Amino acid sequence: MRTFIGIDFDMKIKDEIKNLQSVVKENSIRGRFKYVANFHLTLKFLGEITENQIPLINEVLKRSADNVGDFSLIIEKLGFFGGKGANIRTLWLGLGGDLDSLNALYENIEDGLSVLGFEKEKRTYTPHITIAQDLLLNKDFHELRKTLDLSRIPSINVREVSLIKSEQIQGRRVYTPISTFKLIGQ
């Protein structure tokens, strides 16, 4: 099964992100837009795993969650990976707030999973929420960014981390938590 480790958001956050995404849609010629239910923060993409690996991954997640207490993040910028001008490969929302806690959680997970044989990420972790891909805007990206009010999106209270299954169901990407661990920071 295809999986990743991530942080889910409550519906109030997802609805505000959707409102922001609708402004992007109105200023786009085309694009693939993420479904509101799929807005999340990825910590680690695992790819294909077996049922037998789940308990070992869960041990890493539990240890990591035990070491980091809950924290808050804010959405502070709109950015993109790939492309230029009006052509954008991935449009995302960048995060700020308690990045020290987020990075500690990320590093704990990376270190624990590397012992299980999952390769450590070579790129610097850039926490972001993908909202669209393969986007062609009808205006310059910098003009679009000026029209968006990111301050409307409330703080994200991060209280848990999950192992999540990603599957295609009836032509839609569906994310289903397999296991979830509360951040308790002992």
N, C-alpha and C. Protein backbone atom coordinates (compact mmCIF):
# COMPACT_ATOMS: atom_id res chain seq x y z
N MET A 1 0.84 -1.19 0.00
CA MET A 1 0.00 0.00 0.00
C MET A 1 0.88 1.25 0.00
N ARG A 2 0.41 2.28 -0.68
CA ARG A 2 1.16 3.54 -0.81
C ARG A 2 0.86 4.40 0.42
N THR A 3 1.90 4.91 1.08
CA THR A 3 1.70 5.61 2.35
C THR A 3 2.61 6.83 2.50
N PHE A 4 2.22 7.66 3.45
CA PHE A 4 3.07 8.77 3.87
C PHE A 4 2.77 9.07 5.33
N ILE A 5 3.63 9.84 5.95
CA ILE A 5 3.40 10.29 7.32
C ILE A 5 3.06 11.77 7.24
N GLY A 6 1.97 12.15 7.91
CA GLY A 6 1.53 13.53 7.79
C GLY A 6 0.75 14.04 8.98
N ILE A 7 0.40 15.31 8.85
CA ILE A 7 -0.40 16.01 9.85
C ILE A 7 -1.67 16.47 9.15
N ASP A 8 -2.81 16.08 9.70
CA ASP A 8 -4.10 16.47 9.15
C ASP A 8 -4.54 17.76 9.83
N PHE A 9 -5.52 18.43 9.22
CA PHE A 9 -6.05 19.68 9.76
C PHE A 9 -7.54 19.53 10.02
N ASP A 10 -8.06 20.37 10.93
CA ASP A 10 -9.51 20.34 11.14
C ASP A 10 -10.20 21.03 9.96
N MET A 11 -11.51 20.81 9.85
CA MET A 11 -12.25 21.31 8.69
C MET A 11 -12.28 22.83 8.60
N LYS A 12 -12.20 23.53 9.71
CA LYS A 12 -12.19 24.99 9.66
C LYS A 12 -10.97 25.48 8.87
N ILE A 13 -9.81 24.88 9.14
CA ILE A 13 -8.59 25.23 8.41
C ILE A 13 -8.74 24.85 6.94
N LYS A 14 -9.22 23.62 6.69
CA LYS A 14 -9.38 23.15 5.32
C LYS A 14 -10.34 24.04 4.53
N ASP A 15 -11.42 24.48 5.17
CA ASP A 15 -12.38 25.36 4.49
C ASP A 15 -11.75 26.70 4.13
N GLU A 16 -10.94 27.26 5.02
CA GLU A 16 -10.26 28.53 4.72
C GLU A 16 -9.25 28.36 3.59
N ILE A 17 -8.55 27.23 3.59
CA ILE A 17 -7.61 26.96 2.49
C ILE A 17 -8.39 26.81 1.18
N LYS A 18 -9.54 26.17 1.25
CA LYS A 18 -10.38 26.01 0.05
C LYS A 18 -10.83 27.38 -0.48
N ASN A 19 -11.19 28.29 0.42
CA ASN A 19 -11.59 29.64 0.00
C ASN A 19 -10.44 30.33 -0.73
N LEU A 20 -9.25 30.18 -0.20
CA LEU A 20 -8.07 30.76 -0.84
C LEU A 20 -7.82 30.08 -2.19
N GLN A 21 -7.98 28.77 -2.22
CA GLN A 21 -7.80 28.00 -3.45
C GLN A 21 -8.79 28.45 -4.53
N SER A 22 -10.00 28.80 -4.13
CA SER A 22 -11.02 29.23 -5.11
C SER A 22 -10.60 30.54 -5.79
N VAL A 23 -9.89 31.42 -5.07
CA VAL A 23 -9.37 32.64 -5.68
C VAL A 23 -8.32 32.27 -6.74
N VAL A 24 -7.49 31.29 -6.41
CA VAL A 24 -6.49 30.81 -7.37
C VAL A 24 -7.19 30.25 -8.61
N LYS A 25 -8.24 29.45 -8.40
CA LYS A 25 -8.99 28.87 -9.53
C LYS A 25 -9.55 29.97 -10.44
N GLU A 26 -10.10 31.01 -9.81
CA GLU A 26 -10.69 32.11 -10.59
C GLU A 26 -9.64 32.83 -11.43
N ASN A 27 -8.38 32.72 -11.04
CA ASN A 27 -7.30 33.38 -11.75
C ASN A 27 -6.43 32.39 -12.54
N SER A 28 -7.03 31.24 -12.87
CA SER A 28 -6.30 30.19 -13.59
C SER A 28 -7.01 29.81 -14.88
N ILE A 29 -6.21 29.45 -15.86
CA ILE A 29 -6.73 28.93 -17.12
C ILE A 29 -6.96 27.43 -16.97
N ARG A 30 -6.03 26.77 -16.27
CA ARG A 30 -6.19 25.34 -16.01
C ARG A 30 -5.32 24.95 -14.82
N GLY A 31 -5.56 23.75 -14.31
CA GLY A 31 -4.76 23.23 -13.21
C GLY A 31 -5.44 22.04 -12.59
N ARG A 32 -4.68 21.31 -11.79
CA ARG A 32 -5.24 20.22 -10.99
C ARG A 32 -5.26 20.71 -9.55
N PHE A 33 -6.46 20.81 -9.00
CA PHE A 33 -6.63 21.38 -7.66
C PHE A 33 -6.90 20.28 -6.64
N LYS A 34 -6.18 20.35 -5.52
CA LYS A 34 -6.35 19.36 -4.46
C LYS A 34 -7.75 19.44 -3.87
N TYR A 35 -8.31 18.27 -3.55
CA TYR A 35 -9.61 18.21 -2.88
C TYR A 35 -9.46 18.71 -1.45
N VAL A 36 -10.49 19.35 -0.95
CA VAL A 36 -10.44 19.94 0.39
C VAL A 36 -10.11 18.88 1.44
N ALA A 37 -10.62 17.68 1.30
CA ALA A 37 -10.35 16.62 2.28
C ALA A 37 -8.89 16.20 2.29
N ASN A 38 -8.17 16.50 1.21
CA ASN A 38 -6.78 16.06 1.09
C ASN A 38 -5.74 17.09 1.52
N PHE A 39 -6.16 18.26 1.96
CA PHE A 39 -5.19 19.24 2.47
C PHE A 39 -4.53 18.67 3.72
N HIS A 40 -3.20 18.65 3.74
CA HIS A 40 -2.45 18.10 4.86
C HIS A 40 -1.01 18.60 4.77
N LEU A 41 -0.24 18.28 5.78
CA LEU A 41 1.19 18.56 5.79
C LEU A 41 1.93 17.23 5.79
N THR A 42 2.68 16.97 4.73
CA THR A 42 3.47 15.74 4.65
C THR A 42 4.77 15.91 5.42
N LEU A 43 5.09 14.92 6.24
CA LEU A 43 6.37 14.89 6.93
C LEU A 43 7.34 13.94 6.22
N LYS A 44 6.80 12.83 5.69
CA LYS A 44 7.66 11.85 5.03
C LYS A 44 6.82 10.99 4.10
N PHE A 45 7.19 10.95 2.82
CA PHE A 45 6.56 10.05 1.87
C PHE A 45 7.28 8.71 1.97
N LEU A 46 6.53 7.65 2.23
CA LEU A 46 7.13 6.33 2.37
C LEU A 46 7.04 5.51 1.10
N GLY A 47 6.05 5.77 0.28
CA GLY A 47 5.83 4.94 -0.90
C GLY A 47 5.15 3.64 -0.51
N GLU A 48 5.46 2.58 -1.24
CA GLU A 48 4.83 1.28 -0.98
C GLU A 48 5.42 0.61 0.26
N ILE A 49 4.53 0.20 1.15
CA ILE A 49 4.94 -0.57 2.34
C ILE A 49 4.06 -1.82 2.43
N THR A 50 4.48 -2.76 3.27
CA THR A 50 3.69 -3.96 3.51
C THR A 50 2.98 -3.86 4.86
N GLU A 51 1.99 -4.70 5.05
CA GLU A 51 1.28 -4.76 6.35
C GLU A 51 2.27 -5.03 7.49
N ASN A 52 3.27 -5.86 7.21
CA ASN A 52 4.25 -6.23 8.25
C ASN A 52 5.09 -5.05 8.71
N GLN A 53 5.23 -4.02 7.88
CA GLN A 53 6.03 -2.85 8.26
C GLN A 53 5.26 -1.88 9.15
N ILE A 54 3.95 -1.95 9.15
CA ILE A 54 3.13 -0.99 9.90
C ILE A 54 3.48 -0.96 11.39
N PRO A 55 3.58 -2.11 12.10
CA PRO A 55 3.92 -2.02 13.53
C PRO A 55 5.27 -1.36 13.79
N LEU A 56 6.26 -1.60 12.93
CA LEU A 56 7.58 -0.98 13.10
C LEU A 56 7.52 0.53 12.87
N ILE A 57 6.78 0.93 11.84
CA ILE A 57 6.60 2.37 11.56
C ILE A 57 5.85 3.02 12.72
N ASN A 58 4.83 2.32 13.23
CA ASN A 58 4.06 2.85 14.36
C ASN A 58 4.94 3.07 15.59
N GLU A 59 5.90 2.18 15.82
CA GLU A 59 6.82 2.35 16.96
C GLU A 59 7.61 3.65 16.80
N VAL A 60 8.08 3.92 15.59
CA VAL A 60 8.83 5.15 15.33
C VAL A 60 7.94 6.36 15.57
N LEU A 61 6.71 6.31 15.08
CA LEU A 61 5.78 7.44 15.24
C LEU A 61 5.45 7.66 16.71
N LYS A 62 5.23 6.58 17.45
CA LYS A 62 4.91 6.73 18.88
C LYS A 62 6.08 7.36 19.63
N ARG A 63 7.30 6.87 19.37
CA ARG A 63 8.49 7.44 20.03
C ARG A 63 8.64 8.92 19.67
N SER A 64 8.43 9.23 18.41
CA SER A 64 8.55 10.63 17.95
C SER A 64 7.50 11.51 18.61
N ALA A 65 6.27 11.02 18.68
CA ALA A 65 5.17 11.78 19.30
C ALA A 65 5.39 11.94 20.80
N ASP A 66 6.01 10.94 21.41
CA ASP A 66 6.31 11.04 22.84
C ASP A 66 7.36 12.11 23.13
N ASN A 67 8.20 12.42 22.14
CA ASN A 67 9.30 13.36 22.34
C ASN A 67 8.97 14.81 21.99
N VAL A 68 7.86 15.04 21.31
CA VAL A 68 7.50 16.39 20.87
C VAL A 68 6.07 16.69 21.33
N GLY A 69 5.91 17.79 22.04
CA GLY A 69 4.57 18.19 22.47
C GLY A 69 3.82 18.91 21.36
N ASP A 70 2.54 19.17 21.60
CA ASP A 70 1.75 19.86 20.56
C ASP A 70 2.30 21.28 20.34
N PHE A 71 2.02 21.81 19.16
CA PHE A 71 2.55 23.12 18.77
C PHE A 71 1.64 23.75 17.74
N SER A 72 1.91 25.00 17.41
CA SER A 72 1.08 25.74 16.45
C SER A 72 1.90 26.19 15.25
N LEU A 73 1.25 26.17 14.10
CA LEU A 73 1.83 26.65 12.86
C LEU A 73 0.91 27.70 12.26
N ILE A 74 1.47 28.55 11.43
CA ILE A 74 0.65 29.53 10.70
C ILE A 74 1.01 29.45 9.22
N ILE A 75 0.03 29.75 8.40
CA ILE A 75 0.28 29.84 6.96
C ILE A 75 0.75 31.26 6.70
N GLU A 76 1.99 31.38 6.17
CA GLU A 76 2.55 32.71 6.04
C GLU A 76 2.93 33.12 4.64
N LYS A 77 2.91 32.19 3.67
CA LYS A 77 3.26 32.61 2.32
C LYS A 77 2.72 31.65 1.27
N LEU A 78 2.62 32.17 0.06
CA LEU A 78 2.24 31.38 -1.11
C LEU A 78 3.50 31.22 -1.94
N GLY A 79 3.78 30.01 -2.36
CA GLY A 79 4.98 29.77 -3.15
C GLY A 79 4.74 28.67 -4.17
N PHE A 80 5.78 28.35 -4.93
CA PHE A 80 5.65 27.28 -5.91
C PHE A 80 6.97 26.58 -6.14
N PHE A 81 6.87 25.34 -6.61
CA PHE A 81 8.01 24.55 -7.05
C PHE A 81 7.85 24.36 -8.56
N GLY A 82 8.90 24.60 -9.29
CA GLY A 82 8.89 24.35 -10.72
C GLY A 82 8.08 25.36 -11.50
N GLY A 83 8.59 25.72 -12.66
CA GLY A 83 7.89 26.67 -13.51
C GLY A 83 8.33 28.10 -13.24
N LYS A 84 7.73 29.01 -14.01
CA LYS A 84 8.00 30.43 -13.80
C LYS A 84 6.89 31.23 -14.45
N GLY A 85 6.78 32.47 -14.02
CA GLY A 85 5.73 33.34 -14.56
C GLY A 85 4.35 32.81 -14.23
N ALA A 86 3.59 32.43 -15.25
CA ALA A 86 2.22 31.96 -15.05
C ALA A 86 2.14 30.43 -15.03
N ASN A 87 3.20 29.74 -15.46
CA ASN A 87 3.23 28.27 -15.48
C ASN A 87 3.85 27.76 -14.18
N ILE A 88 3.09 26.96 -13.44
CA ILE A 88 3.54 26.49 -12.13
C ILE A 88 3.30 24.99 -12.02
N ARG A 89 4.35 24.27 -11.61
CA ARG A 89 4.20 22.81 -11.43
C ARG A 89 3.43 22.51 -10.14
N THR A 90 3.85 23.10 -9.01
CA THR A 90 3.18 22.86 -7.73
C THR A 90 3.01 24.18 -7.00
N LEU A 91 1.77 24.54 -6.68
CA LEU A 91 1.48 25.75 -5.90
C LEU A 91 1.22 25.34 -4.47
N TRP A 92 1.88 26.02 -3.53
CA TRP A 92 1.77 25.61 -2.13
C TRP A 92 1.67 26.80 -1.18
N LEU A 93 1.24 26.48 0.04
CA LEU A 93 1.19 27.44 1.14
C LEU A 93 2.34 27.09 2.09
N GLY A 94 3.20 28.07 2.35
CA GLY A 94 4.34 27.86 3.24
C GLY A 94 3.98 28.15 4.68
N LEU A 95 4.64 27.46 5.58
CA LEU A 95 4.29 27.52 6.99
C LEU A 95 5.35 28.24 7.83
N GLY A 96 4.88 28.88 8.89
CA GLY A 96 5.71 29.49 9.90
C GLY A 96 5.16 29.08 11.25
N GLY A 97 5.55 29.79 12.28
CA GLY A 97 5.10 29.44 13.63
C GLY A 97 6.20 28.67 14.34
N ASP A 98 5.81 27.65 15.09
CA ASP A 98 6.76 26.88 15.88
C ASP A 98 7.46 25.84 15.00
N LEU A 99 8.33 26.34 14.12
CA LEU A 99 9.05 25.45 13.21
C LEU A 99 10.10 24.61 13.93
N ASP A 100 10.56 25.05 15.10
CA ASP A 100 11.50 24.24 15.86
C ASP A 100 10.87 22.92 16.28
N SER A 101 9.63 22.97 16.76
CA SER A 101 8.94 21.73 17.15
C SER A 101 8.63 20.87 15.93
N LEU A 102 8.19 21.52 14.85
CA LEU A 102 7.91 20.77 13.62
C LEU A 102 9.17 20.08 13.12
N ASN A 103 10.28 20.79 13.09
CA ASN A 103 11.54 20.20 12.63
C ASN A 103 12.03 19.10 13.56
N ALA A 104 11.80 19.25 14.86
CA ALA A 104 12.18 18.19 15.81
C ALA A 104 11.37 16.92 15.53
N LEU A 105 10.07 17.08 15.28
CA LEU A 105 9.22 15.94 14.95
C LEU A 105 9.70 15.30 13.66
N TYR A 106 9.95 16.12 12.66
CA TYR A 106 10.43 15.64 11.37
C TYR A 106 11.75 14.85 11.52
N GLU A 107 12.69 15.42 12.25
CA GLU A 107 14.00 14.76 12.43
C GLU A 107 13.87 13.46 13.20
N ASN A 108 13.03 13.43 14.24
CA ASN A 108 12.81 12.19 14.99
C ASN A 108 12.28 11.09 14.07
N ILE A 109 11.33 11.47 13.21
CA ILE A 109 10.74 10.49 12.28
C ILE A 109 11.78 10.05 11.26
N GLU A 110 12.49 11.00 10.67
CA GLU A 110 13.54 10.66 9.69
C GLU A 110 14.57 9.70 10.29
N ASP A 111 15.06 10.02 11.49
CA ASP A 111 16.08 9.19 12.14
C ASP A 111 15.54 7.80 12.44
N GLY A 112 14.34 7.74 12.99
CA GLY A 112 13.75 6.44 13.34
C GLY A 112 13.48 5.57 12.12
N LEU A 113 12.99 6.18 11.05
CA LEU A 113 12.67 5.40 9.85
C LEU A 113 13.93 4.98 9.10
N SER A 114 15.01 5.75 9.22
CA SER A 114 16.25 5.36 8.53
C SER A 114 16.78 4.04 9.09
N VAL A 115 16.56 3.80 10.38
CA VAL A 115 16.97 2.54 11.00
C VAL A 115 16.18 1.37 10.38
N LEU A 116 14.95 1.66 9.93
CA LEU A 116 14.11 0.63 9.31
C LEU A 116 14.41 0.45 7.82
N GLY A 117 15.34 1.25 7.30
CA GLY A 117 15.70 1.10 5.90
C GLY A 117 15.09 2.12 4.96
N PHE A 118 14.34 3.07 5.50
CA PHE A 118 13.79 4.14 4.65
C PHE A 118 14.88 5.20 4.48
N GLU A 119 15.14 5.55 3.24
CA GLU A 119 16.21 6.50 2.95
C GLU A 119 15.86 7.89 3.49
N LYS A 120 16.85 8.54 4.09
CA LYS A 120 16.65 9.91 4.57
C LYS A 120 16.54 10.85 3.39
N GLU A 121 15.72 11.86 3.57
CA GLU A 121 15.55 12.89 2.53
C GLU A 121 16.83 13.70 2.43
N LYS A 122 17.30 13.90 1.21
CA LYS A 122 18.53 14.66 1.00
C LYS A 122 18.27 16.16 0.93
N ARG A 123 17.08 16.54 0.48
CA ARG A 123 16.74 17.96 0.38
C ARG A 123 16.34 18.49 1.76
N THR A 124 16.53 19.77 1.95
CA THR A 124 16.08 20.43 3.18
C THR A 124 14.56 20.36 3.25
N TYR A 125 14.05 20.06 4.44
CA TYR A 125 12.60 19.96 4.62
C TYR A 125 11.98 21.35 4.47
N THR A 126 11.03 21.46 3.56
CA THR A 126 10.30 22.71 3.32
C THR A 126 8.83 22.44 3.62
N PRO A 127 8.37 22.74 4.83
CA PRO A 127 6.98 22.43 5.17
C PRO A 127 6.01 23.27 4.34
N HIS A 128 5.08 22.57 3.67
CA HIS A 128 4.14 23.26 2.79
C HIS A 128 2.87 22.43 2.62
N ILE A 129 1.83 23.11 2.19
CA ILE A 129 0.55 22.47 1.89
C ILE A 129 0.30 22.68 0.41
N THR A 130 0.28 21.61 -0.36
CA THR A 130 0.03 21.71 -1.79
C THR A 130 -1.45 22.00 -2.02
N ILE A 131 -1.72 23.03 -2.85
CA ILE A 131 -3.13 23.34 -3.17
C ILE A 131 -3.45 23.15 -4.64
N ALA A 132 -2.43 23.12 -5.50
CA ALA A 132 -2.68 22.92 -6.94
C ALA A 132 -1.41 22.45 -7.62
N GLN A 133 -1.59 21.78 -8.77
CA GLN A 133 -0.47 21.32 -9.58
C GLN A 133 -0.76 21.59 -11.05
N ASP A 134 0.31 21.62 -11.84
CA ASP A 134 0.19 21.82 -13.29
C ASP A 134 -0.72 23.00 -13.60
N LEU A 135 -0.39 24.12 -13.01
CA LEU A 135 -1.23 25.31 -13.02
C LEU A 135 -0.77 26.28 -14.11
N LEU A 136 -1.74 26.83 -14.82
CA LEU A 136 -1.48 27.92 -15.75
C LEU A 136 -2.36 29.08 -15.31
N LEU A 137 -1.73 30.12 -14.78
CA LEU A 137 -2.45 31.29 -14.30
C LEU A 137 -2.79 32.23 -15.45
N ASN A 138 -3.84 33.03 -15.26
CA ASN A 138 -4.16 34.05 -16.27
C ASN A 138 -3.55 35.40 -15.89
N LYS A 139 -2.69 35.39 -14.87
CA LYS A 139 -1.93 36.59 -14.47
C LYS A 139 -0.62 36.14 -13.87
N ASP A 140 0.28 37.05 -13.68
CA ASP A 140 1.57 36.73 -13.10
C ASP A 140 1.40 36.26 -11.66
N PHE A 141 2.23 35.30 -11.25
CA PHE A 141 2.17 34.75 -9.90
C PHE A 141 2.25 35.85 -8.84
N HIS A 142 3.15 36.81 -9.02
CA HIS A 142 3.34 37.86 -8.01
C HIS A 142 2.11 38.75 -7.88
N GLU A 143 1.39 38.97 -8.98
CA GLU A 143 0.13 39.71 -8.93
C GLU A 143 -0.91 38.92 -8.15
N LEU A 144 -0.99 37.62 -8.43
CA LEU A 144 -1.94 36.77 -7.71
C LEU A 144 -1.65 36.78 -6.22
N ARG A 145 -0.38 36.64 -5.85
CA ARG A 145 -0.01 36.58 -4.43
C ARG A 145 -0.46 37.83 -3.68
N LYS A 146 -0.41 38.99 -4.33
CA LYS A 146 -0.84 40.24 -3.69
C LYS A 146 -2.34 40.26 -3.40
N THR A 147 -3.13 39.46 -4.13
CA THR A 147 -4.59 39.48 -3.95
C THR A 147 -5.07 38.55 -2.84
N LEU A 148 -4.18 37.69 -2.34
CA LEU A 148 -4.59 36.70 -1.35
C LEU A 148 -4.32 37.18 0.08
N ASP A 149 -5.32 36.98 0.95
CA ASP A 149 -5.19 37.37 2.35
C ASP A 149 -4.97 36.11 3.19
N LEU A 150 -3.72 35.78 3.45
CA LEU A 150 -3.40 34.58 4.21
C LEU A 150 -3.72 34.72 5.69
N SER A 151 -3.87 35.94 6.16
CA SER A 151 -4.14 36.16 7.58
C SER A 151 -5.53 35.66 7.99
N ARG A 152 -6.38 35.39 7.02
CA ARG A 152 -7.73 34.86 7.33
C ARG A 152 -7.69 33.42 7.83
N ILE A 153 -6.60 32.73 7.51
CA ILE A 153 -6.51 31.32 7.90
C ILE A 153 -6.01 31.24 9.34
N PRO A 154 -6.80 30.60 10.21
CA PRO A 154 -6.41 30.52 11.62
C PRO A 154 -5.13 29.69 11.83
N SER A 155 -4.55 29.81 13.01
CA SER A 155 -3.40 28.99 13.37
C SER A 155 -3.77 27.52 13.31
N ILE A 156 -2.79 26.71 12.94
CA ILE A 156 -2.98 25.26 12.89
C ILE A 156 -2.41 24.68 14.18
N ASN A 157 -3.28 24.11 14.99
CA ASN A 157 -2.85 23.48 16.24
C ASN A 157 -2.49 22.03 15.93
N VAL A 158 -1.22 21.71 16.01
CA VAL A 158 -0.74 20.37 15.68
C VAL A 158 -0.71 19.56 16.97
N ARG A 159 -1.55 18.53 17.02
CA ARG A 159 -1.67 17.72 18.23
C ARG A 159 -1.38 16.25 18.00
N GLU A 160 -1.26 15.85 16.71
CA GLU A 160 -1.03 14.44 16.42
C GLU A 160 -0.36 14.27 15.06
N VAL A 161 0.18 13.09 14.86
CA VAL A 161 0.84 12.72 13.61
C VAL A 161 0.28 11.36 13.19
N SER A 162 0.16 11.15 11.88
CA SER A 162 -0.49 9.93 11.38
C SER A 162 0.30 9.24 10.28
N LEU A 163 0.15 7.93 10.23
CA LEU A 163 0.55 7.13 9.08
C LEU A 163 -0.70 7.07 8.20
N ILE A 164 -0.57 7.46 6.94
CA ILE A 164 -1.73 7.65 6.08
C ILE A 164 -1.58 6.83 4.80
N LYS A 165 -2.66 6.13 4.45
CA LYS A 165 -2.69 5.37 3.20
C LYS A 165 -3.22 6.29 2.10
N SER A 166 -2.58 6.22 0.94
CA SER A 166 -2.98 7.02 -0.22
C SER A 166 -3.40 6.05 -1.32
N GLU A 167 -4.65 6.17 -1.77
CA GLU A 167 -5.12 5.27 -2.82
C GLU A 167 -6.05 6.00 -3.78
N GLN A 168 -6.16 5.43 -4.96
CA GLN A 168 -7.04 5.96 -5.99
C GLN A 168 -8.36 5.20 -5.90
N ILE A 169 -9.44 5.92 -5.63
CA ILE A 169 -10.77 5.32 -5.54
C ILE A 169 -11.71 6.09 -6.46
N GLN A 170 -12.27 5.40 -7.44
CA GLN A 170 -13.18 6.01 -8.41
C GLN A 170 -12.60 7.30 -9.00
N GLY A 171 -11.34 7.23 -9.40
CA GLY A 171 -10.70 8.37 -10.06
C GLY A 171 -10.26 9.50 -9.15
N ARG A 172 -10.39 9.31 -7.85
CA ARG A 172 -9.99 10.35 -6.89
C ARG A 172 -8.93 9.83 -5.95
N ARG A 173 -7.99 10.68 -5.60
CA ARG A 173 -6.99 10.34 -4.59
C ARG A 173 -7.65 10.47 -3.22
N VAL A 174 -7.57 9.39 -2.42
CA VAL A 174 -8.20 9.36 -1.09
C VAL A 174 -7.12 9.04 -0.06
N TYR A 175 -7.07 9.84 1.00
CA TYR A 175 -6.13 9.64 2.09
C TYR A 175 -6.88 9.12 3.31
N THR A 176 -6.42 7.97 3.85
CA THR A 176 -7.08 7.35 4.99
C THR A 176 -6.05 7.08 6.08
N PRO A 177 -6.24 7.64 7.29
CA PRO A 177 -5.30 7.36 8.37
C PRO A 177 -5.30 5.87 8.73
N ILE A 178 -4.11 5.32 8.86
CA ILE A 178 -3.96 3.93 9.32
C ILE A 178 -3.79 3.94 10.82
N SER A 179 -2.96 4.86 11.32
CA SER A 179 -2.73 4.99 12.76
C SER A 179 -2.38 6.44 13.07
N THR A 180 -2.76 6.87 14.26
CA THR A 180 -2.54 8.26 14.67
C THR A 180 -2.00 8.28 16.10
N PHE A 181 -1.04 9.18 16.33
CA PHE A 181 -0.40 9.27 17.65
C PHE A 181 -0.44 10.71 18.14
N LYS A 182 -0.90 10.88 19.37
CA LYS A 182 -0.95 12.20 20.01
C LYS A 182 0.47 12.66 20.35
N LEU A 183 0.71 13.94 20.14
CA LEU A 183 1.99 14.53 20.53
C LEU A 183 1.93 14.84 22.01
N ILE A 184 2.77 14.17 22.80
CA ILE A 184 2.68 14.37 24.25
C ILE A 184 3.94 14.96 24.85
N GLY A 185 5.06 14.93 24.14
CA GLY A 185 6.26 15.63 24.57
C GLY A 185 6.76 15.31 25.94
N GLN A 186 6.97 14.04 26.25
CA GLN A 186 7.46 13.65 27.58
C GLN A 186 8.92 13.98 27.74
